[in-house]
Amino acid sequence: MPAAAIPALRAALLAWYDANARDLPWRAGPGSARADPYRVWLSEVMLQQTTVPHATPYFLSFTRRWPTVADLAAEADGAVMAAWAGLGYYARARNLLACARAVTEKYDGVFPDTEAGLLALPGVGDYTAAAVAAIAFDRKANVVDGNVERVVARLFAVEAPMPASKPELKRLAGEMVTDDRPGDWAQALMDLGATVCRPKAPLCERCPVSRFCAAFARGDGETFPRRTKKADRPRRYGAAYLLTRDSDVALVLRPPKGLLGGMLGLPTSDWRGEPWSDEEAVAAAPVAGAWRDAGEIEHVFTHFSLTLRVFRAEGAMDAVWTGPDGLGALPSVFLKAARKGLG
């Protein structure tokens, strides 16, 4: 695309956004006052690896319970981790608390208004810093998420496959950013990718910038961005232990670092590359007991798939005991296992 075409492309897309912007609870809306930096930051953290429909109820719950960054910073770790359960990628929840406390303690509850200042906060990376700077403070920033990468790959028909093409896509996206409405521009690209320039079956006939799109001109837009074949996801195996006492279930606090760190969950064996025999699984149980096999569940993490065999017994141990109503706050892998064990 020639540089001379970019002003016309920007004008077309911003006009479309003004008429078609998604109504999202963390937004201020096109052309209105700036959005609350706390709400923008919270939404961007939640939306990492998560869809808008899935993240929205969590966002609404968090902002009702903790309406300011200072409220969130003052909350106990366990309460925030429990409220995060089901969103996945639990390191984000730990980073969320660390960042909220840094903003409260070092900046008196006021978010820095530049990319550089935001990058100095715990857990804030390049994308989140750019998004908050642009959307909350209207700073000129190059905000590139998966939707934007797809739009740019199609506009410029970038042949290099993902993920190797990411730097080129970011460079091309940066060429379209100006000082004029940078926050609206970032959200316009996101909305175009989410609602029109979709991964499958893009709605090219509804696209406000199709006349600028190299892939549309070629007739193969859906094939972009190009991708290399993913390696098979490795599989791990483990055992989960459902120890009950009357109607209560024993939970343990996982170590603060690592997968599902700091979360309550069922006791488990190690997760390894080969299945556990009955004898091995029973020997690895947290306490001796009449453990019986209650079935197995499958769960997919980012980098591996997990098969967990669930074993159940009655007994006692030093644990956090909760009734059935408390299981809903567990990470989804443990909620699956508990439901399987309870039958």
C-alpha atoms as a PDB file:
ATOM      1  CA  MET A   1       0.000   0.000   0.000  1.00  0.00           C
ATOM      2  CA  PRO A   2       1.484   3.378  -0.920  1.00  0.00           C
ATOM      3  CA  ALA A   3       2.037   5.809   1.949  1.00  0.00           C
ATOM      4  CA  ALA A   4      -0.185   8.328   0.160  1.00  0.00           C
ATOM      5  CA  ALA A   5      -3.190   6.009   0.673  1.00  0.00           C
ATOM      6  CA  ILE A   6      -2.878   5.856   4.462  1.00  0.00           C
ATOM      7  CA  PRO A   7      -4.750   9.133   5.261  1.00  0.00           C
ATOM      8  CA  ALA A   8      -7.748   7.954   3.228  1.00  0.00           C
ATOM      9  CA  LEU A   9      -7.642   4.529   4.877  1.00  0.00           C
ATOM     10  CA  ARG A  10      -7.528   6.133   8.330  1.00  0.00           C
ATOM     11  CA  ALA A  11     -10.441   8.441   7.529  1.00  0.00           C
ATOM     12  CA  ALA A  12     -12.559   5.531   6.260  1.00  0.00           C
ATOM     13  CA  LEU A  13     -11.834   3.311   9.240  1.00  0.00           C
ATOM     14  CA  LEU A  14     -12.377   6.026  11.865  1.00  0.00           C
ATOM     15  CA  ALA A  15     -15.692   6.992  10.241  1.00  0.00           C
ATOM     16  CA  TRP A  16     -16.749   3.327  10.362  1.00  0.00           C
ATOM     17  CA  TYR A  17     -15.670   3.108  14.016  1.00  0.00           C
ATOM     18  CA  ASP A  18     -17.657   6.226  14.926  1.00  0.00           C
ATOM     19  CA  ALA A  19     -20.784   4.499  13.609  1.00  0.00           C
ATOM     20  CA  ASN A  20     -20.060   0.893  14.619  1.00  0.00           C
ATOM     21  CA  ALA A  21     -17.885   0.857  17.761  1.00  0.00           C
ATOM     22  CA  ARG A  22     -18.605  -2.030  20.087  1.00  0.00           C
ATOM     23  CA  ASP A  23     -20.274  -1.081  23.380  1.00  0.00           C
ATOM     24  CA  LEU A  24     -17.810  -2.461  25.941  1.00  0.00           C
ATOM     25  CA  PRO A  25     -17.937  -1.692  29.667  1.00  0.00           C
ATOM     26  CA  TRP A  26     -14.334  -0.468  29.832  1.00  0.00           C
ATOM     27  CA  ARG A  27     -14.707   2.000  26.954  1.00  0.00           C
ATOM     28  CA  ALA A  28     -15.637   5.664  26.918  1.00  0.00           C
ATOM     29  CA  GLY A  29     -16.835   5.536  23.287  1.00  0.00           C
ATOM     30  CA  PRO A  30     -15.611   7.244  20.115  1.00  0.00           C
ATOM     31  CA  GLY A  31     -14.798  10.926  20.462  1.00  0.00           C
ATOM     32  CA  SER A  32     -15.841  11.077  24.142  1.00  0.00           C
ATOM     33  CA  ALA A  33     -13.810  11.817  27.245  1.00  0.00           C
ATOM     34  CA  ARG A  34     -10.858   9.579  27.941  1.00  0.00           C
ATOM     35  CA  ALA A  35     -11.529   6.195  29.469  1.00  0.00           C
ATOM     36  CA  ASP A  36     -10.586   5.439  33.086  1.00  0.00           C
ATOM     37  CA  PRO A  37      -6.972   4.148  33.018  1.00  0.00           C
ATOM     38  CA  TYR A  38      -7.765   1.598  35.751  1.00  0.00           C
ATOM     39  CA  ARG A  39     -10.612   0.098  33.734  1.00  0.00           C
ATOM     40  CA  VAL A  40      -8.576   0.098  30.515  1.00  0.00           C
ATOM     41  CA  TRP A  41      -5.610  -1.578  32.229  1.00  0.00           C
ATOM     42  CA  LEU A  42      -7.818  -4.146  33.986  1.00  0.00           C
ATOM     43  CA  SER A  43      -9.624  -5.029  30.761  1.00  0.00           C
ATOM     44  CA  GLU A  44      -6.387  -5.388  28.787  1.00  0.00           C
ATOM     45  CA  VAL A  45      -4.922  -7.752  31.389  1.00  0.00           C
ATOM     46  CA  MET A  46      -8.106  -9.830  31.410  1.00  0.00           C
ATOM     47  CA  LEU A  47      -8.318  -9.953  27.611  1.00  0.00           C
ATOM     48  CA  GLN A  48      -4.867 -11.473  27.198  1.00  0.00           C
ATOM     49  CA  GLN A  49      -5.544 -14.998  25.875  1.00  0.00           C
ATOM     50  CA  THR A  50      -9.260 -14.515  26.650  1.00  0.00           C
ATOM     51  CA  THR A  51     -12.270 -13.543  24.547  1.00  0.00           C
ATOM     52  CA  VAL A  52     -14.418 -10.472  25.181  1.00  0.00           C
ATOM     53  CA  PRO A  53     -17.569 -12.529  26.042  1.00  0.00           C
ATOM     54  CA  HIS A  54     -15.612 -14.601  28.556  1.00  0.00           C
ATOM     55  CA  ALA A  55     -13.776 -11.672  30.144  1.00  0.00           C
ATOM     56  CA  THR A  56     -16.713  -9.256  30.415  1.00  0.00           C
ATOM     57  CA  PRO A  57     -18.504 -10.816  33.426  1.00  0.00           C
ATOM     58  CA  TYR A  58     -15.188 -10.995  35.281  1.00  0.00           C
ATOM     59  CA  PHE A  59     -14.515  -7.344  34.497  1.00  0.00           C
ATOM     60  CA  LEU A  60     -17.947  -6.323  35.766  1.00  0.00           C
ATOM     61  CA  SER A  61     -17.504  -8.391  38.921  1.00  0.00           C
ATOM     62  CA  PHE A  62     -14.040  -6.960  39.623  1.00  0.00           C
ATOM     63  CA  THR A  63     -15.108  -3.358  39.110  1.00  0.00           C
ATOM     64  CA  ARG A  64     -18.164  -3.774  41.333  1.00  0.00           C
ATOM     65  CA  ARG A  65     -16.053  -5.309  44.066  1.00  0.00           C
ATOM     66  CA  TRP A  66     -12.949  -3.137  43.579  1.00  0.00           C
ATOM     67  CA  PRO A  67     -14.024   0.081  41.817  1.00  0.00           C
ATOM     68  CA  THR A  68     -10.579   1.728  42.051  1.00  0.00           C
ATOM     69  CA  VAL A  69      -7.002   0.545  41.775  1.00  0.00           C
ATOM     70  CA  ALA A  70      -6.518   1.363  45.467  1.00  0.00           C
ATOM     71  CA  ASP A  71      -9.438  -0.928  46.382  1.00  0.00           C
ATOM     72  CA  LEU A  72      -7.858  -3.759  44.403  1.00  0.00           C
ATOM     73  CA  ALA A  73      -4.421  -3.108  45.897  1.00  0.00           C
ATOM     74  CA  ALA A  74      -5.798  -3.376  49.440  1.00  0.00           C
ATOM     75  CA  GLU A  75      -7.443  -6.764  48.891  1.00  0.00           C
ATOM     76  CA  ALA A  76      -5.946 -10.023  50.145  1.00  0.00           C
ATOM     77  CA  ASP A  77      -4.134 -12.130  47.560  1.00  0.00           C
ATOM     78  CA  GLY A  78      -6.385 -15.136  48.088  1.00  0.00           C
ATOM     79  CA  ALA A  79      -9.587 -13.182  47.447  1.00  0.00           C
ATOM     80  CA  VAL A  80      -8.302 -11.794  44.148  1.00  0.00           C
ATOM     81  CA  MET A  81      -6.972 -15.178  43.031  1.00  0.00           C
ATOM     82  CA  ALA A  82     -10.332 -16.773  43.838  1.00  0.00           C
ATOM     83  CA  ALA A  83     -12.182 -14.059  41.886  1.00  0.00           C
ATOM     84  CA  TRP A  84      -9.848 -14.687  38.933  1.00  0.00           C
ATOM     85  CA  ALA A  85     -10.553 -18.440  38.871  1.00  0.00           C
ATOM     86  CA  GLY A  86     -11.784 -19.505  35.444  1.00  0.00           C
ATOM     87  CA  LEU A  87      -9.949 -16.805  33.500  1.00  0.00           C
ATOM     88  CA  GLY A  88      -6.784 -18.919  33.271  1.00  0.00           C
ATOM     89  CA  TYR A  89      -3.154 -17.817  32.989  1.00  0.00           C
ATOM     90  CA  TYR A  90      -3.019 -17.191  36.709  1.00  0.00           C
ATOM     91  CA  ALA A  91       0.318 -15.381  36.638  1.00  0.00           C
ATOM     92  CA  ARG A  92      -1.763 -12.481  35.293  1.00  0.00           C
ATOM     93  CA  ALA A  93      -3.661 -12.292  38.585  1.00  0.00           C
ATOM     94  CA  ARG A  94      -0.425 -12.150  40.575  1.00  0.00           C
ATOM     95  CA  ASN A  95       0.902  -9.447  38.249  1.00  0.00           C
ATOM     96  CA  LEU A  96      -2.419  -7.619  38.543  1.00  0.00           C
ATOM     97  CA  LEU A  97      -2.002  -7.306  42.305  1.00  0.00           C
ATOM     98  CA  ALA A  98       1.663  -6.344  42.062  1.00  0.00           C
ATOM     99  CA  CYS A  99       0.851  -3.603  39.550  1.00  0.00           C
ATOM    100  CA  ALA A 100      -2.145  -2.290  41.527  1.00  0.00           C
ATOM    101  CA  ARG A 101       0.000  -2.034  44.647  1.00  0.00           C
ATOM    102  CA  ALA A 102       2.813  -0.298  42.775  1.00  0.00           C
ATOM    103  CA  VAL A 103       0.386   2.283  41.326  1.00  0.00           C
ATOM    104  CA  THR A 104      -1.130   2.843  44.767  1.00  0.00           C
ATOM    105  CA  GLU A 105       2.105   3.008  46.745  1.00  0.00           C
ATOM    106  CA  LYS A 106       4.461   4.715  44.265  1.00  0.00           C
ATOM    107  CA  TYR A 107       2.048   6.867  42.239  1.00  0.00           C
ATOM    108  CA  ASP A 108      -0.671   7.642  44.810  1.00  0.00           C
ATOM    109  CA  GLY A 109      -3.225   5.648  42.813  1.00  0.00           C
ATOM    110  CA  VAL A 110      -2.644   7.497  39.536  1.00  0.00           C
ATOM    111  CA  PHE A 111      -1.429   5.512  36.516  1.00  0.00           C
ATOM    112  CA  PRO A 112       1.564   6.919  34.605  1.00  0.00           C
ATOM    113  CA  ASP A 113       0.379   8.488  31.355  1.00  0.00           C
ATOM    114  CA  THR A 114       3.239   7.461  29.046  1.00  0.00           C
ATOM    115  CA  GLU A 115       4.349   4.148  27.575  1.00  0.00           C
ATOM    116  CA  ALA A 116       7.696   4.435  29.339  1.00  0.00           C
ATOM    117  CA  GLY A 117       6.067   5.086  32.695  1.00  0.00           C
ATOM    118  CA  LEU A 118       3.594   2.243  32.246  1.00  0.00           C
ATOM    119  CA  LEU A 119       6.361  -0.169  31.224  1.00  0.00           C
ATOM    120  CA  ALA A 120       8.024   0.460  34.583  1.00  0.00           C
ATOM    121  CA  LEU A 121       5.046  -1.107  36.371  1.00  0.00           C
ATOM    122  CA  PRO A 122       5.162  -4.805  37.392  1.00  0.00           C
ATOM    123  CA  GLY A 123       3.641  -7.143  34.823  1.00  0.00           C
ATOM    124  CA  VAL A 124       3.064  -4.459  32.184  1.00  0.00           C
ATOM    125  CA  GLY A 125       4.570  -5.379  28.808  1.00  0.00           C
ATOM    126  CA  ASP A 126       4.856  -3.595  25.504  1.00  0.00           C
ATOM    127  CA  TYR A 127       1.308  -4.290  24.331  1.00  0.00           C
ATOM    128  CA  THR A 128      -0.451  -3.337  27.580  1.00  0.00           C
ATOM    129  CA  ALA A 129       1.640  -0.170  27.954  1.00  0.00           C
ATOM    130  CA  ALA A 130       0.794   0.901  24.405  1.00  0.00           C
ATOM    131  CA  ALA A 131      -2.906   0.087  24.823  1.00  0.00           C
ATOM    132  CA  VAL A 132      -3.307   2.014  28.071  1.00  0.00           C
ATOM    133  CA  ALA A 133      -1.245   4.951  26.787  1.00  0.00           C
ATOM    134  CA  ALA A 134      -3.351   5.212  23.624  1.00  0.00           C
ATOM    135  CA  ILE A 135      -6.833   4.381  24.910  1.00  0.00           C
ATOM    136  CA  ALA A 136      -6.708   6.009  28.348  1.00  0.00           C
ATOM    137  CA  PHE A 137      -4.373   8.948  27.627  1.00  0.00           C
ATOM    138  CA  ASP A 138      -4.679   9.390  23.837  1.00  0.00           C
ATOM    139  CA  ARG A 139      -0.941   9.082  23.400  1.00  0.00           C
ATOM    140  CA  LYS A 140       0.469   8.196  20.008  1.00  0.00           C
ATOM    141  CA  ALA A 141       1.210   4.488  20.500  1.00  0.00           C
ATOM    142  CA  ASN A 142       1.341   1.467  18.227  1.00  0.00           C
ATOM    143  CA  VAL A 143      -1.179  -0.996  19.721  1.00  0.00           C
ATOM    144  CA  VAL A 144      -0.871  -4.409  18.068  1.00  0.00           C
ATOM    145  CA  ASP A 145      -2.879  -7.402  19.263  1.00  0.00           C
ATOM    146  CA  GLY A 146      -3.946 -10.524  17.370  1.00  0.00           C
ATOM    147  CA  ASN A 147      -6.833  -8.737  15.662  1.00  0.00           C
ATOM    148  CA  VAL A 148      -4.546  -5.948  14.477  1.00  0.00           C
ATOM    149  CA  GLU A 149      -1.945  -8.428  13.224  1.00  0.00           C
ATOM    150  CA  ARG A 150      -4.595 -10.142  11.114  1.00  0.00           C
ATOM    151  CA  VAL A 151      -5.896  -6.862   9.672  1.00  0.00           C
ATOM    152  CA  VAL A 152      -2.385  -5.657   8.808  1.00  0.00           C
ATOM    153  CA  ALA A 153      -1.356  -9.014   7.315  1.00  0.00           C
ATOM    154  CA  ARG A 154      -4.329  -8.808   4.951  1.00  0.00           C
ATOM    155  CA  LEU A 155      -4.031  -5.095   4.121  1.00  0.00           C
ATOM    156  CA  PHE A 156      -0.414  -5.566   3.041  1.00  0.00           C
ATOM    157  CA  ALA A 157      -0.625  -9.266   1.970  1.00  0.00           C
ATOM    158  CA  VAL A 158       2.367 -10.157   4.157  1.00  0.00           C
ATOM    159  CA  GLU A 159       3.639 -13.512   2.929  1.00  0.00           C
ATOM    160  CA  ALA A 160       6.016 -14.322   5.800  1.00  0.00           C
ATOM    161  CA  PRO A 161       4.327 -16.767   8.189  1.00  0.00           C
ATOM    162  CA  MET A 162       3.517 -16.131  11.819  1.00  0.00           C
ATOM    163  CA  PRO A 163       5.122 -15.829  14.286  1.00  0.00           C
ATOM    164  CA  ALA A 164       8.243 -14.776  12.333  1.00  0.00           C
ATOM    165  CA  SER A 165       6.254 -11.988  10.648  1.00  0.00           C
ATOM    166  CA  LYS A 166       5.292 -10.292  13.942  1.00  0.00           C
ATOM    167  CA  PRO A 167       8.034  -7.606  13.785  1.00  0.00           C
ATOM    168  CA  GLU A 168       7.092  -6.740  10.186  1.00  0.00           C
ATOM    169  CA  LEU A 169       3.392  -6.560  11.049  1.00  0.00           C
ATOM    170  CA  LYS A 170       4.155  -4.281  13.990  1.00  0.00           C
ATOM    171  CA  ARG A 171       6.293  -2.037  11.757  1.00  0.00           C
ATOM    172  CA  LEU A 172       3.540  -1.782   9.152  1.00  0.00           C
ATOM    173  CA  ALA A 173       0.924  -1.063  11.818  1.00  0.00           C
ATOM    174  CA  GLY A 174       3.158   1.695  13.160  1.00  0.00           C
ATOM    175  CA  GLU A 175       3.174   3.408   9.770  1.00  0.00           C
ATOM    176  CA  MET A 176      -0.578   3.992  10.113  1.00  0.00           C
ATOM    177  CA  VAL A 177      -0.453   5.554  13.610  1.00  0.00           C
ATOM    178  CA  THR A 178      -0.592   9.341  13.874  1.00  0.00           C
ATOM    179  CA  ASP A 179      -1.241  11.962  16.554  1.00  0.00           C
ATOM    180  CA  ASP A 180      -4.866  12.166  15.441  1.00  0.00           C
ATOM    181  CA  ARG A 181      -7.175  10.108  17.711  1.00  0.00           C
ATOM    182  CA  PRO A 182      -4.645   7.382  18.563  1.00  0.00           C
ATOM    183  CA  GLY A 183      -6.947   5.770  21.134  1.00  0.00           C
ATOM    184  CA  ASP A 184      -9.881   5.581  18.732  1.00  0.00           C
ATOM    185  CA  TRP A 185      -7.557   4.362  15.970  1.00  0.00           C
ATOM    186  CA  ALA A 186      -6.305   1.467  18.126  1.00  0.00           C
ATOM    187  CA  GLN A 187      -9.841   0.436  19.043  1.00  0.00           C
ATOM    188  CA  ALA A 188     -11.060   0.829  15.465  1.00  0.00           C
ATOM    189  CA  LEU A 189      -8.451  -1.668  14.252  1.00  0.00           C
ATOM    190  CA  MET A 190      -9.368  -4.054  17.087  1.00  0.00           C
ATOM    191  CA  ASP A 191     -13.081  -3.800  16.306  1.00  0.00           C
ATOM    192  CA  LEU A 192     -12.503  -4.307  12.585  1.00  0.00           C
ATOM    193  CA  GLY A 193     -10.556  -7.487  13.299  1.00  0.00           C
ATOM    194  CA  ALA A 194     -13.089  -8.768  15.827  1.00  0.00           C
ATOM    195  CA  THR A 195     -16.263  -8.131  13.844  1.00  0.00           C
ATOM    196  CA  VAL A 196     -15.435  -7.877  10.122  1.00  0.00           C
ATOM    197  CA  CYS A 197     -11.886  -9.014   9.336  1.00  0.00           C
ATOM    198  CA  ARG A 198     -12.510 -12.256  11.205  1.00  0.00           C
ATOM    199  CA  PRO A 199     -10.124 -15.235  11.217  1.00  0.00           C
ATOM    200  CA  LYS A 200     -12.621 -17.377   9.294  1.00  0.00           C
ATOM    201  CA  ALA A 201     -15.149 -16.150   6.750  1.00  0.00           C
ATOM    202  CA  PRO A 202     -14.157 -12.473   6.843  1.00  0.00           C
ATOM    203  CA  LEU A 203     -16.985 -10.119   5.875  1.00  0.00           C
ATOM    204  CA  CYS A 204     -15.049  -8.363   3.137  1.00  0.00           C
ATOM    205  CA  GLU A 205     -18.217  -6.992   1.543  1.00  0.00           C
ATOM    206  CA  ARG A 206     -18.837  -5.007   4.763  1.00  0.00           C
ATOM    207  CA  CYS A 207     -15.265  -3.849   5.247  1.00  0.00           C
ATOM    208  CA  PRO A 208     -14.830  -0.057   5.180  1.00  0.00           C
ATOM    209  CA  VAL A 209     -11.221  -0.388   3.965  1.00  0.00           C
ATOM    210  CA  SER A 210     -11.471  -3.272   1.494  1.00  0.00           C
ATOM    211  CA  ARG A 211     -10.472  -0.992  -1.373  1.00  0.00           C
ATOM    212  CA  PHE A 212      -7.082  -0.565   0.307  1.00  0.00           C
ATOM    213  CA  CYS A 213      -6.605  -4.280   1.053  1.00  0.00           C
ATOM    214  CA  ALA A 214      -4.026  -6.184  -0.998  1.00  0.00           C
ATOM    215  CA  ALA A 215      -5.347  -9.578   0.066  1.00  0.00           C
ATOM    216  CA  PHE A 216      -8.912  -8.618  -0.897  1.00  0.00           C
ATOM    217  CA  ALA A 217      -7.676  -7.542  -4.320  1.00  0.00           C
ATOM    218  CA  ARG A 218      -6.060 -10.961  -4.742  1.00  0.00           C
ATOM    219  CA  GLY A 219      -9.159 -12.788  -3.530  1.00  0.00           C
ATOM    220  CA  ASP A 220      -7.381 -14.850  -0.854  1.00  0.00           C
ATOM    221  CA  GLY A 221      -7.868 -12.741   2.271  1.00  0.00           C
ATOM    222  CA  GLU A 222      -8.822 -15.654   4.514  1.00  0.00           C
ATOM    223  CA  THR A 223      -5.408 -17.261   3.960  1.00  0.00           C
ATOM    224  CA  PHE A 224      -3.702 -14.407   5.856  1.00  0.00           C
ATOM    225  CA  PRO A 225      -1.881 -14.252   8.123  1.00  0.00           C
ATOM    226  CA  ARG A 226       0.240 -17.119   6.873  1.00  0.00           C
ATOM    227  CA  ARG A 227       1.141 -19.612   9.583  1.00  0.00           C
ATOM    228  CA  THR A 228       3.726 -22.310  10.070  1.00  0.00           C
ATOM    229  CA  LYS A 229       2.403 -25.683  11.155  1.00  0.00           C
ATOM    230  CA  LYS A 230       2.258 -25.935  14.914  1.00  0.00           C
ATOM    231  CA  ALA A 231       4.148 -28.707  16.619  1.00  0.00           C
ATOM    232  CA  ASP A 232       1.977 -31.282  18.348  1.00  0.00           C
ATOM    233  CA  ARG A 233       1.133 -30.218  21.895  1.00  0.00           C
ATOM    234  CA  PRO A 234       2.854 -32.563  24.380  1.00  0.00           C
ATOM    235  CA  ARG A 235       0.733 -34.513  26.841  1.00  0.00           C
ATOM    236  CA  ARG A 236       1.278 -34.928  30.562  1.00  0.00           C
ATOM    237  CA  TYR A 237      -0.363 -37.215  33.062  1.00  0.00           C
ATOM    238  CA  GLY A 238      -1.159 -36.919  36.747  1.00  0.00           C
ATOM    239  CA  ALA A 239      -3.514 -37.864  39.535  1.00  0.00           C
ATOM    240  CA  ALA A 240      -5.851 -35.567  41.471  1.00  0.00           C
ATOM    241  CA  TYR A 241      -7.135 -36.473  44.909  1.00  0.00           C
ATOM    242  CA  LEU A 242     -10.652 -35.702  46.075  1.00  0.00           C
ATOM    243  CA  LEU A 243     -10.575 -36.178  49.838  1.00  0.00           C
ATOM    244  CA  THR A 244     -14.002 -35.653  51.390  1.00  0.00           C
ATOM    245  CA  ARG A 245     -15.225 -35.241  54.947  1.00  0.00           C
ATOM    246  CA  ASP A 246     -18.997 -35.468  55.011  1.00  0.00           C
ATOM    247  CA  SER A 247     -19.904 -32.980  52.259  1.00  0.00           C
ATOM    248  CA  ASP A 248     -16.664 -30.971  52.442  1.00  0.00           C
ATOM    249  CA  VAL A 249     -13.695 -31.259  50.085  1.00  0.00           C
ATOM    250  CA  ALA A 250     -10.003 -30.822  50.993  1.00  0.00           C
ATOM    251  CA  LEU A 251      -8.128 -28.127  49.061  1.00  0.00           C
ATOM    252  CA  VAL A 252      -4.473 -27.130  49.208  1.00  0.00           C
ATOM    253  CA  LEU A 253      -2.712 -23.879  48.338  1.00  0.00           C
ATOM    254  CA  ARG A 254      -0.367 -24.348  45.411  1.00  0.00           C
ATOM    255  CA  PRO A 255       3.176 -22.892  45.560  1.00  0.00           C
ATOM    256  CA  PRO A 256       3.261 -19.165  44.751  1.00  0.00           C
ATOM    257  CA  LYS A 257       5.293 -19.603  41.564  1.00  0.00           C
ATOM    258  CA  GLY A 258       4.657 -21.853  38.602  1.00  0.00           C
ATOM    259  CA  LEU A 259       1.524 -23.051  36.860  1.00  0.00           C
ATOM    260  CA  LEU A 260      -1.625 -22.118  38.832  1.00  0.00           C
ATOM    261  CA  GLY A 261       0.667 -20.596  41.448  1.00  0.00           C
ATOM    262  CA  GLY A 262      -0.980 -19.257  44.585  1.00  0.00           C
ATOM    263  CA  MET A 263      -4.330 -20.859  43.745  1.00  0.00           C
ATOM    264  CA  LEU A 264      -6.399 -23.255  45.808  1.00  0.00           C
ATOM    265  CA  GLY A 265      -6.821 -26.641  44.174  1.00  0.00           C
ATOM    266  CA  LEU A 266      -7.134 -30.348  44.744  1.00  0.00           C
ATOM    267  CA  PRO A 267      -3.986 -32.137  45.896  1.00  0.00           C
ATOM    268  CA  THR A 268      -2.241 -33.748  42.924  1.00  0.00           C
ATOM    269  CA  SER A 269       0.695 -35.931  42.019  1.00  0.00           C
ATOM    270  CA  ASP A 270       3.448 -34.560  39.807  1.00  0.00           C
ATOM    271  CA  TRP A 271       2.495 -34.109  36.147  1.00  0.00           C
ATOM    272  CA  ARG A 272       4.783 -36.188  33.941  1.00  0.00           C
ATOM    273  CA  GLY A 273       5.131 -37.557  30.454  1.00  0.00           C
ATOM    274  CA  GLU A 274       3.765 -41.066  31.129  1.00  0.00           C
ATOM    275  CA  PRO A 275       0.588 -42.342  32.805  1.00  0.00           C
ATOM    276  CA  TRP A 276       0.494 -43.228  36.498  1.00  0.00           C
ATOM    277  CA  SER A 277      -0.390 -46.776  37.496  1.00  0.00           C
ATOM    278  CA  ASP A 278      -2.974 -47.296  40.253  1.00  0.00           C
ATOM    279  CA  GLU A 279      -0.221 -48.278  42.662  1.00  0.00           C
ATOM    280  CA  GLU A 280       1.903 -45.233  41.879  1.00  0.00           C
ATOM    281  CA  ALA A 281      -1.058 -42.889  42.120  1.00  0.00           C
ATOM    282  CA  VAL A 282      -2.222 -44.245  45.469  1.00  0.00           C
ATOM    283  CA  ALA A 283       1.327 -44.108  46.832  1.00  0.00           C
ATOM    284  CA  ALA A 284       1.545 -40.424  45.843  1.00  0.00           C
ATOM    285  CA  ALA A 285      -1.713 -39.513  47.604  1.00  0.00           C
ATOM    286  CA  PRO A 286      -1.490 -36.780  50.261  1.00  0.00           C
ATOM    287  CA  VAL A 287      -2.706 -39.128  53.014  1.00  0.00           C
ATOM    288  CA  ALA A 288      -3.228 -42.860  53.332  1.00  0.00           C
ATOM    289  CA  GLY A 289      -6.764 -43.998  52.666  1.00  0.00           C
ATOM    290  CA  ALA A 290      -9.114 -46.193  50.705  1.00  0.00           C
ATOM    291  CA  TRP A 291      -8.597 -44.353  47.435  1.00  0.00           C
ATOM    292  CA  ARG A 292     -10.804 -45.431  44.568  1.00  0.00           C
ATOM    293  CA  ASP A 293     -10.564 -44.491  40.906  1.00  0.00           C
ATOM    294  CA  ALA A 294     -13.337 -41.998  40.038  1.00  0.00           C
ATOM    295  CA  GLY A 295     -12.475 -41.528  36.357  1.00  0.00           C
ATOM    296  CA  GLU A 296     -10.337 -39.037  34.460  1.00  0.00           C
ATOM    297  CA  ILE A 297     -10.565 -35.600  32.915  1.00  0.00           C
ATOM    298  CA  GLU A 298      -8.786 -33.848  30.063  1.00  0.00           C
ATOM    299  CA  HIS A 299      -7.563 -30.274  30.189  1.00  0.00           C
ATOM    300  CA  VAL A 300      -5.586 -28.170  27.718  1.00  0.00           C
ATOM    301  CA  PHE A 301      -3.037 -25.598  28.827  1.00  0.00           C
ATOM    302  CA  THR A 302      -1.133 -23.325  26.463  1.00  0.00           C
ATOM    303  CA  HIS A 303       1.909 -25.552  26.132  1.00  0.00           C
ATOM    304  CA  PHE A 304       0.616 -29.033  26.946  1.00  0.00           C
ATOM    305  CA  SER A 305      -2.467 -31.195  27.358  1.00  0.00           C
ATOM    306  CA  LEU A 306      -3.145 -32.873  30.684  1.00  0.00           C
ATOM    307  CA  THR A 307      -4.868 -36.140  31.548  1.00  0.00           C
ATOM    308  CA  LEU A 308      -5.762 -36.270  35.243  1.00  0.00           C
ATOM    309  CA  ARG A 309      -7.028 -39.440  36.875  1.00  0.00           C
ATOM    310  CA  VAL A 310      -9.254 -38.586  39.817  1.00  0.00           C
ATOM    311  CA  PHE A 311      -9.096 -40.634  43.014  1.00  0.00           C
ATOM    312  CA  ARG A 312     -11.574 -40.232  45.866  1.00  0.00           C
ATOM    313  CA  ALA A 313     -11.490 -41.201  49.534  1.00  0.00           C
ATOM    314  CA  GLU A 314     -12.994 -40.188  52.866  1.00  0.00           C
ATOM    315  CA  GLY A 315     -10.552 -38.952  55.469  1.00  0.00           C
ATOM    316  CA  ALA A 316      -8.861 -36.020  57.135  1.00  0.00           C
ATOM    317  CA  MET A 317      -5.757 -33.925  56.494  1.00  0.00           C
ATOM    318  CA  ASP A 318      -4.392 -30.462  57.146  1.00  0.00           C
ATOM    319  CA  ALA A 319      -6.194 -28.581  54.361  1.00  0.00           C
ATOM    320  CA  VAL A 320      -8.639 -25.844  53.467  1.00  0.00           C
ATOM    321  CA  TRP A 321     -12.034 -27.500  53.627  1.00  0.00           C
ATOM    322  CA  THR A 322     -14.889 -26.215  51.523  1.00  0.00           C
ATOM    323  CA  GLY A 323     -18.421 -27.270  50.744  1.00  0.00           C
ATOM    324  CA  PRO A 324     -19.712 -27.885  47.210  1.00  0.00           C
ATOM    325  CA  ASP A 325     -20.630 -24.195  46.827  1.00  0.00           C
ATOM    326  CA  GLY A 326     -16.984 -23.219  47.276  1.00  0.00           C
ATOM    327  CA  LEU A 327     -15.757 -25.321  44.361  1.00  0.00           C
ATOM    328  CA  GLY A 328     -16.878 -22.745  41.800  1.00  0.00           C
ATOM    329  CA  ALA A 329     -13.886 -20.552  42.700  1.00  0.00           C
ATOM    330  CA  LEU A 330     -11.392 -23.250  41.682  1.00  0.00           C
ATOM    331  CA  PRO A 331      -9.339 -23.057  38.476  1.00  0.00           C
ATOM    332  CA  SER A 332     -11.223 -24.908  35.757  1.00  0.00           C
ATOM    333  CA  VAL A 333      -8.918 -27.949  35.728  1.00  0.00           C
ATOM    334  CA  PHE A 334      -9.633 -28.594  39.418  1.00  0.00           C
ATOM    335  CA  LEU A 335     -13.316 -27.811  39.064  1.00  0.00           C
ATOM    336  CA  LYS A 336     -13.507 -30.454  36.315  1.00  0.00           C
ATOM    337  CA  ALA A 337     -11.695 -32.952  38.534  1.00  0.00           C
ATOM    338  CA  ALA A 338     -13.888 -32.209  41.556  1.00  0.00           C
ATOM    339  CA  ARG A 339     -17.049 -32.620  39.538  1.00  0.00           C
ATOM    340  CA  LYS A 340     -15.773 -35.878  38.118  1.00  0.00           C
ATOM    341  CA  GLY A 341     -14.904 -37.160  41.577  1.00  0.00           C
ATOM    342  CA  LEU A 342     -18.221 -36.133  43.075  1.00  0.00           C
ATOM    343  CA  GLY A 343     -20.019 -37.967  40.293  1.00  0.00           C
END
